[in-house]
Amino acid sequence: MQENITALLVHAGESCFQTLELILEEQGLRTERARSCAEASASLAQEDSPQLVFTGTGLCDGSWVDVLDLASKRVHSSAEVIVVSGVLDRHLYLDAMEGGAFDFIVPPFHPEDLALVVRSAIWSARRKASPAHDSRRATPKRPAGTAGEPRSHDA
């Protein structure tokens, strides 16, 4: 699917991340793991750091909010953060989206849906990293099914 795209999976061992990792790798993405905000920070500080970050909601030394903050402070390039929750929680969804997350997803994960989220997030990250990016320009609408109302991927 994507050439030389790396996704950082930040989680405290949730089983849904095993499935997520398998699907991403089947789609041609390289994956890295971080079990804490400290490990995520080290990964994001590298010059060749991941372009996508999938984060669980709770970590031993922080939460998705901290991961989002780390990704926003990257020096070398832009990354989009997708919050992964084990359950559908409208309040958490609203907090994540209003807090700057690119998307909010819950299992079960379907490859087609995940491919759409990944393509959209990569496009957005590349657009932000582009020297021609002008934040005053209107942001194009995201494809249907991304960053809309939270939904289970069963639908």
Protein backbone atom coordinates (compact mmCIF):
# COMPACT_ATOMS: atom_id res chain seq x y z
CA MET A 1 0.00 0.00 0.00
CA GLN A 2 2.45 2.70 1.17
CA GLU A 3 6.15 3.02 0.41
CA ASN A 4 8.52 3.52 3.34
CA ILE A 5 5.77 4.44 5.78
CA THR A 6 6.36 3.69 9.44
CA ALA A 7 3.63 3.55 12.05
CA LEU A 8 4.47 3.84 15.74
CA LEU A 9 2.15 1.77 17.95
CA VAL A 10 2.12 3.20 21.46
CA HIS A 11 0.29 1.00 23.92
CA ALA A 12 0.52 -0.76 27.24
CA GLY A 13 -0.06 -4.23 25.84
CA GLU A 14 -3.69 -4.08 24.70
CA SER A 15 -4.53 -7.14 22.62
CA CYS A 16 -6.27 -5.08 19.91
CA PHE A 17 -2.87 -3.68 18.97
CA GLN A 18 -1.68 -7.12 17.87
CA THR A 19 -4.46 -7.22 15.28
CA LEU A 20 -3.82 -3.62 14.30
CA GLU A 21 -0.11 -4.35 13.80
CA LEU A 22 -0.82 -7.38 11.60
CA ILE A 23 -3.20 -5.44 9.36
CA LEU A 24 -0.80 -2.51 9.00
CA GLU A 25 2.07 -4.84 8.10
CA GLU A 26 -0.12 -6.69 5.59
CA GLN A 27 -0.76 -3.29 3.99
CA GLY A 28 2.97 -2.71 3.59
CA LEU A 29 3.65 -0.41 6.52
CA ARG A 30 6.62 -0.87 8.80
CA THR A 31 5.68 -0.85 12.49
CA GLU A 32 7.52 0.11 15.64
CA ARG A 33 6.34 -0.35 19.20
CA ALA A 34 6.53 1.85 22.25
CA ARG A 35 5.15 0.84 25.64
CA SER A 36 5.40 4.27 27.27
CA CYS A 37 5.50 7.98 26.57
CA ALA A 38 9.26 7.90 27.19
CA GLU A 39 9.74 5.25 24.48
CA ALA A 40 7.41 7.14 22.13
CA SER A 41 9.39 10.34 22.73
CA ALA A 42 12.65 8.60 21.82
CA SER A 43 11.15 7.20 18.63
CA LEU A 44 9.60 10.52 17.60
CA ALA A 45 12.86 12.39 18.23
CA GLN A 46 14.74 10.41 15.56
CA GLU A 47 15.40 12.08 12.24
CA ASP A 48 13.73 9.20 10.39
CA SER A 49 10.78 8.98 12.78
CA PRO A 50 7.35 7.44 12.12
CA GLN A 51 4.82 9.29 10.00
CA LEU A 52 1.83 7.79 11.82
CA VAL A 53 1.20 7.20 15.50
CA PHE A 54 -1.49 4.88 16.81
CA THR A 55 -1.83 5.35 20.55
CA GLY A 56 -3.79 3.58 23.23
CA THR A 57 -5.65 5.65 25.75
CA GLY A 58 -3.59 4.85 28.85
CA LEU A 59 0.12 4.25 29.36
CA CYS A 60 2.26 3.65 32.43
CA ASP A 61 3.67 7.18 32.27
CA GLY A 62 0.88 9.15 30.62
CA SER A 63 -1.97 8.95 28.16
CA TRP A 64 -2.95 9.61 24.58
CA VAL A 65 -2.86 13.34 25.41
CA ASP A 66 0.86 13.11 26.16
CA VAL A 67 1.53 11.16 22.96
CA LEU A 68 -0.36 13.77 20.96
CA ASP A 69 1.74 16.48 22.59
CA LEU A 70 4.97 14.61 21.79
CA ALA A 71 3.97 14.21 18.14
CA SER A 72 3.09 17.90 17.84
CA LYS A 73 6.58 18.90 19.01
CA ARG A 74 8.45 16.88 16.38
CA VAL A 75 11.36 18.71 14.86
CA HIS A 76 12.10 16.65 11.78
CA SER A 77 8.69 16.08 10.23
CA SER A 78 4.96 15.93 10.77
CA ALA A 79 2.99 12.95 12.09
CA GLU A 80 -0.68 12.28 12.55
CA VAL A 81 -1.95 10.65 15.74
CA ILE A 82 -4.81 8.17 15.73
CA VAL A 83 -6.27 7.29 19.13
CA VAL A 84 -7.20 3.63 19.57
CA SER A 85 -9.70 2.71 22.24
CA GLY A 86 -10.86 -0.74 23.23
CA VAL A 87 -14.41 0.57 23.63
CA LEU A 88 -16.60 3.14 21.94
CA ASP A 89 -16.69 6.18 24.24
CA ARG A 90 -18.25 9.36 22.86
CA HIS A 91 -16.66 11.60 25.49
CA LEU A 92 -13.21 10.20 24.80
CA TYR A 93 -13.86 10.50 21.05
CA LEU A 94 -14.79 14.19 21.40
CA ASP A 95 -11.83 14.87 23.68
CA ALA A 96 -9.43 13.22 21.22
CA MET A 97 -10.77 14.99 18.15
CA GLU A 98 -10.97 18.37 19.86
CA GLY A 99 -7.48 17.76 21.27
CA GLY A 100 -5.97 17.43 17.80
CA ALA A 101 -6.01 13.70 17.05
CA PHE A 102 -6.40 12.86 13.37
CA ASP A 103 -8.89 10.08 14.06
CA PHE A 104 -10.33 7.80 16.74
CA ILE A 105 -10.82 4.11 16.03
CA VAL A 106 -12.14 1.10 17.91
CA PRO A 107 -11.96 -2.62 17.14
CA PRO A 108 -12.76 -4.71 15.32
CA PHE A 109 -10.46 -3.37 12.61
CA HIS A 110 -11.28 -4.05 8.98
CA PRO A 111 -8.43 -3.75 6.47
CA GLU A 112 -10.43 -1.59 4.03
CA ASP A 113 -11.42 0.90 6.73
CA LEU A 114 -7.92 1.00 8.16
CA ALA A 115 -6.44 1.54 4.69
CA LEU A 116 -8.64 4.60 4.24
CA VAL A 117 -7.62 6.04 7.61
CA VAL A 118 -3.93 5.41 6.85
CA ARG A 119 -4.07 6.97 3.37
CA SER A 120 -5.87 10.04 4.70
CA ALA A 121 -3.46 10.44 7.63
CA ILE A 122 -0.39 10.07 5.39
CA TRP A 123 -1.78 12.64 2.97
CA SER A 124 -2.41 15.03 5.85
CA ALA A 125 1.05 14.51 7.39
CA ARG A 126 2.75 15.09 4.03
CA ARG A 127 0.68 18.18 3.41
CA LYS A 128 1.63 19.61 6.80
CA ALA A 129 5.31 18.84 6.19
CA SER A 130 5.28 20.48 2.75
CA PRO A 131 7.05 23.86 2.58
CA ALA A 132 4.16 25.13 0.48
CA HIS A 133 1.65 24.35 3.24
CA ASP A 134 -0.32 27.44 4.12
CA SER A 135 -2.44 27.05 7.24
CA ARG A 136 -4.70 29.88 6.05
CA ARG A 137 -5.96 27.79 3.14
CA ALA A 138 -9.16 25.86 3.58
CA THR A 139 -8.63 22.32 4.74
CA PRO A 140 -10.18 19.78 2.38
CA LYS A 141 -12.88 17.54 3.75
CA ARG A 142 -11.77 14.13 4.94
CA PRO A 143 -13.14 11.10 3.14
CA ALA A 144 -16.31 9.63 4.60
CA GLY A 145 -15.65 7.40 7.56
CA THR A 146 -12.66 9.29 8.93
CA ALA A 147 -12.85 11.59 11.91
CA GLY A 148 -16.63 11.57 11.80
CA GLU A 149 -18.86 10.21 14.48
CA PRO A 150 -17.15 7.40 16.35
CA ARG A 151 -18.21 4.04 15.07
CA SER A 152 -17.42 0.45 15.50
CA HIS A 153 -15.75 -1.05 12.48
CA ASP A 154 -18.48 -3.73 12.45
CA ALA A 155 -20.82 -1.44 10.51
